[in-house]
C-alpha atoms as a PDB file:
ATOM      1  CA  MET A   1      84.080 127.264  79.898  1.00  0.00           C
ATOM      2  CA  GLU A   2      87.664 125.924  80.112  1.00  0.00           C
ATOM      3  CA  ASN A   3      89.134 129.089  81.569  1.00  0.00           C
ATOM      4  CA  ASN A   4      86.333 129.272  84.136  1.00  0.00           C
ATOM      5  CA  ILE A   5      86.816 125.666  85.257  1.00  0.00           C
ATOM      6  CA  ILE A   6      90.582 126.169  85.527  1.00  0.00           C
ATOM      7  CA  THR A   7      89.973 129.112  87.856  1.00  0.00           C
ATOM      8  CA  LYS A   8      87.645 126.934  89.917  1.00  0.00           C
ATOM      9  CA  PHE A   9      90.257 124.168  90.143  1.00  0.00           C
ATOM     10  CA  LYS A  10      92.772 126.733  91.368  1.00  0.00           C
ATOM     11  CA  THR A  11      90.307 127.760  94.087  1.00  0.00           C
ATOM     12  CA  ILE A  12      89.859 124.095  95.058  1.00  0.00           C
ATOM     13  CA  TYR A  13      93.626 123.576  95.199  1.00  0.00           C
ATOM     14  CA  LEU A  14      94.116 126.632  97.418  1.00  0.00           C
ATOM     15  CA  GLN A  15      91.382 125.413  99.759  1.00  0.00           C
ATOM     16  CA  VAL A  16      92.972 121.943  99.986  1.00  0.00           C
ATOM     17  CA  LYS A  17      96.366 123.512 100.705  1.00  0.00           C
ATOM     18  CA  LYS A  18      94.898 125.751 103.421  1.00  0.00           C
ATOM     19  CA  GLU A  19      92.791 123.061 105.118  1.00  0.00           C
ATOM     20  CA  LYS A  20      94.943 119.941 104.690  1.00  0.00           C
ATOM     21  CA  GLY A  21      98.467 121.098 103.927  1.00  0.00           C
ATOM     22  CA  PRO A  22     100.769 121.247 100.930  1.00  0.00           C
ATOM     23  CA  CYS A  23     100.496 118.882  97.979  1.00  0.00           C
ATOM     24  CA  ASN A  24     103.465 117.352  96.231  1.00  0.00           C
ATOM     25  CA  LEU A  25     101.310 117.232  93.113  1.00  0.00           C
ATOM     26  CA  PHE A  26      97.878 118.629  92.286  1.00  0.00           C
ATOM     27  CA  MET A  27      97.272 118.021  88.625  1.00  0.00           C
ATOM     28  CA  VAL A  28      94.166 118.548  86.524  1.00  0.00           C
ATOM     29  CA  LEU A  29      94.389 116.974  83.104  1.00  0.00           C
ATOM     30  CA  LYS A  30      91.953 117.342  80.242  1.00  0.00           C
ATOM     31  CA  MET A  31      91.769 114.026  78.450  1.00  0.00           C
ATOM     32  CA  ASP A  32      91.308 115.477  74.948  1.00  0.00           C
ATOM     33  CA  GLU A  33      89.061 117.833  73.062  1.00  0.00           C
ATOM     34  CA  TYR A  34      86.823 115.012  71.845  1.00  0.00           C
ATOM     35  CA  THR A  35      85.841 113.414  75.157  1.00  0.00           C
ATOM     36  CA  ASP A  36      85.922 116.692  77.130  1.00  0.00           C
ATOM     37  CA  LYS A  37      86.705 114.863  80.386  1.00  0.00           C
ATOM     38  CA  TRP A  38      89.044 115.926  83.200  1.00  0.00           C
ATOM     39  CA  SER A  39      91.136 113.843  85.603  1.00  0.00           C
ATOM     40  CA  ILE A  40      92.453 115.023  88.964  1.00  0.00           C
ATOM     41  CA  ILE A  41      95.666 113.594  90.398  1.00  0.00           C
ATOM     42  CA  ILE A  42      96.757 114.500  93.928  1.00  0.00           C
ATOM     43  CA  SER A  43      99.859 113.439  95.807  1.00  0.00           C
ATOM     44  CA  ALA A  44     100.465 114.653  99.358  1.00  0.00           C
ATOM     45  CA  ASN A  45     102.184 113.409 102.496  1.00  0.00           C
ATOM     46  CA  TRP A  46      98.918 113.758 104.444  1.00  0.00           C
ATOM     47  CA  ILE A  47      97.163 111.220 102.184  1.00  0.00           C
ATOM     48  CA  THR A  48      97.639 107.724 103.563  1.00  0.00           C
ATOM     49  CA  GLN A  49      96.293 104.277 102.844  1.00  0.00           C
ATOM     50  CA  GLU A  50      94.179 104.615 105.989  1.00  0.00           C
ATOM     51  CA  ASN A  51      92.534 107.941 105.104  1.00  0.00           C
ATOM     52  CA  LYS A  52      92.260 107.724 101.313  1.00  0.00           C
ATOM     53  CA  LYS A  53      88.473 107.206 101.386  1.00  0.00           C
ATOM     54  CA  GLU A  54      88.061 110.224 103.670  1.00  0.00           C
ATOM     55  CA  VAL A  55      90.286 112.329 101.413  1.00  0.00           C
ATOM     56  CA  PHE A  56      88.357 111.181  98.336  1.00  0.00           C
ATOM     57  CA  GLN A  57      85.073 112.233  99.958  1.00  0.00           C
ATOM     58  CA  TYR A  58      86.634 115.552 100.982  1.00  0.00           C
ATOM     59  CA  ILE A  59      87.722 116.252  97.380  1.00  0.00           C
ATOM     60  CA  VAL A  60      84.323 115.210  96.023  1.00  0.00           C
ATOM     61  CA  GLY A  61      82.696 117.643  98.456  1.00  0.00           C
ATOM     62  CA  LEU A  62      84.946 120.465  97.280  1.00  0.00           C
ATOM     63  CA  LEU A  63      84.158 119.676  93.664  1.00  0.00           C
ATOM     64  CA  LYS A  64      80.408 119.689  94.342  1.00  0.00           C
ATOM     65  CA  ASN A  65      80.670 122.971  96.260  1.00  0.00           C
ATOM     66  CA  ASN A  66      82.759 124.760  93.624  1.00  0.00           C
ATOM     67  CA  LEU A  67      81.629 123.329  90.292  1.00  0.00           C
ATOM     68  CA  THR A  68      78.276 123.237  88.561  1.00  0.00           C
ATOM     69  CA  PRO A  69      76.635 119.818  88.102  1.00  0.00           C
ATOM     70  CA  GLU A  70      77.508 120.036  84.406  1.00  0.00           C
ATOM     71  CA  GLU A  71      81.189 120.682  85.207  1.00  0.00           C
ATOM     72  CA  THR A  72      81.244 117.921  87.828  1.00  0.00           C
ATOM     73  CA  SER A  73      79.925 115.418  85.284  1.00  0.00           C
ATOM     74  CA  THR A  74      83.019 116.018  83.142  1.00  0.00           C
ATOM     75  CA  ILE A  75      85.380 114.673  85.815  1.00  0.00           C
END
């Protein structure tokens, strides 16, 4: 499953880059092998204090469109 989800995260990153612009940082971190949870960290000049809720919803939408419900629950 890990390799498959990594490929999906790469697809999500490429879509973000195409639709919103470059990211200074797009990081997906697996917490550890025991909790099997992932964290996503994004830093980009186009993310501002004013649009952070919109960007969050945008990312959530991409996750839901690209990941299975089981994979989404691990984030």
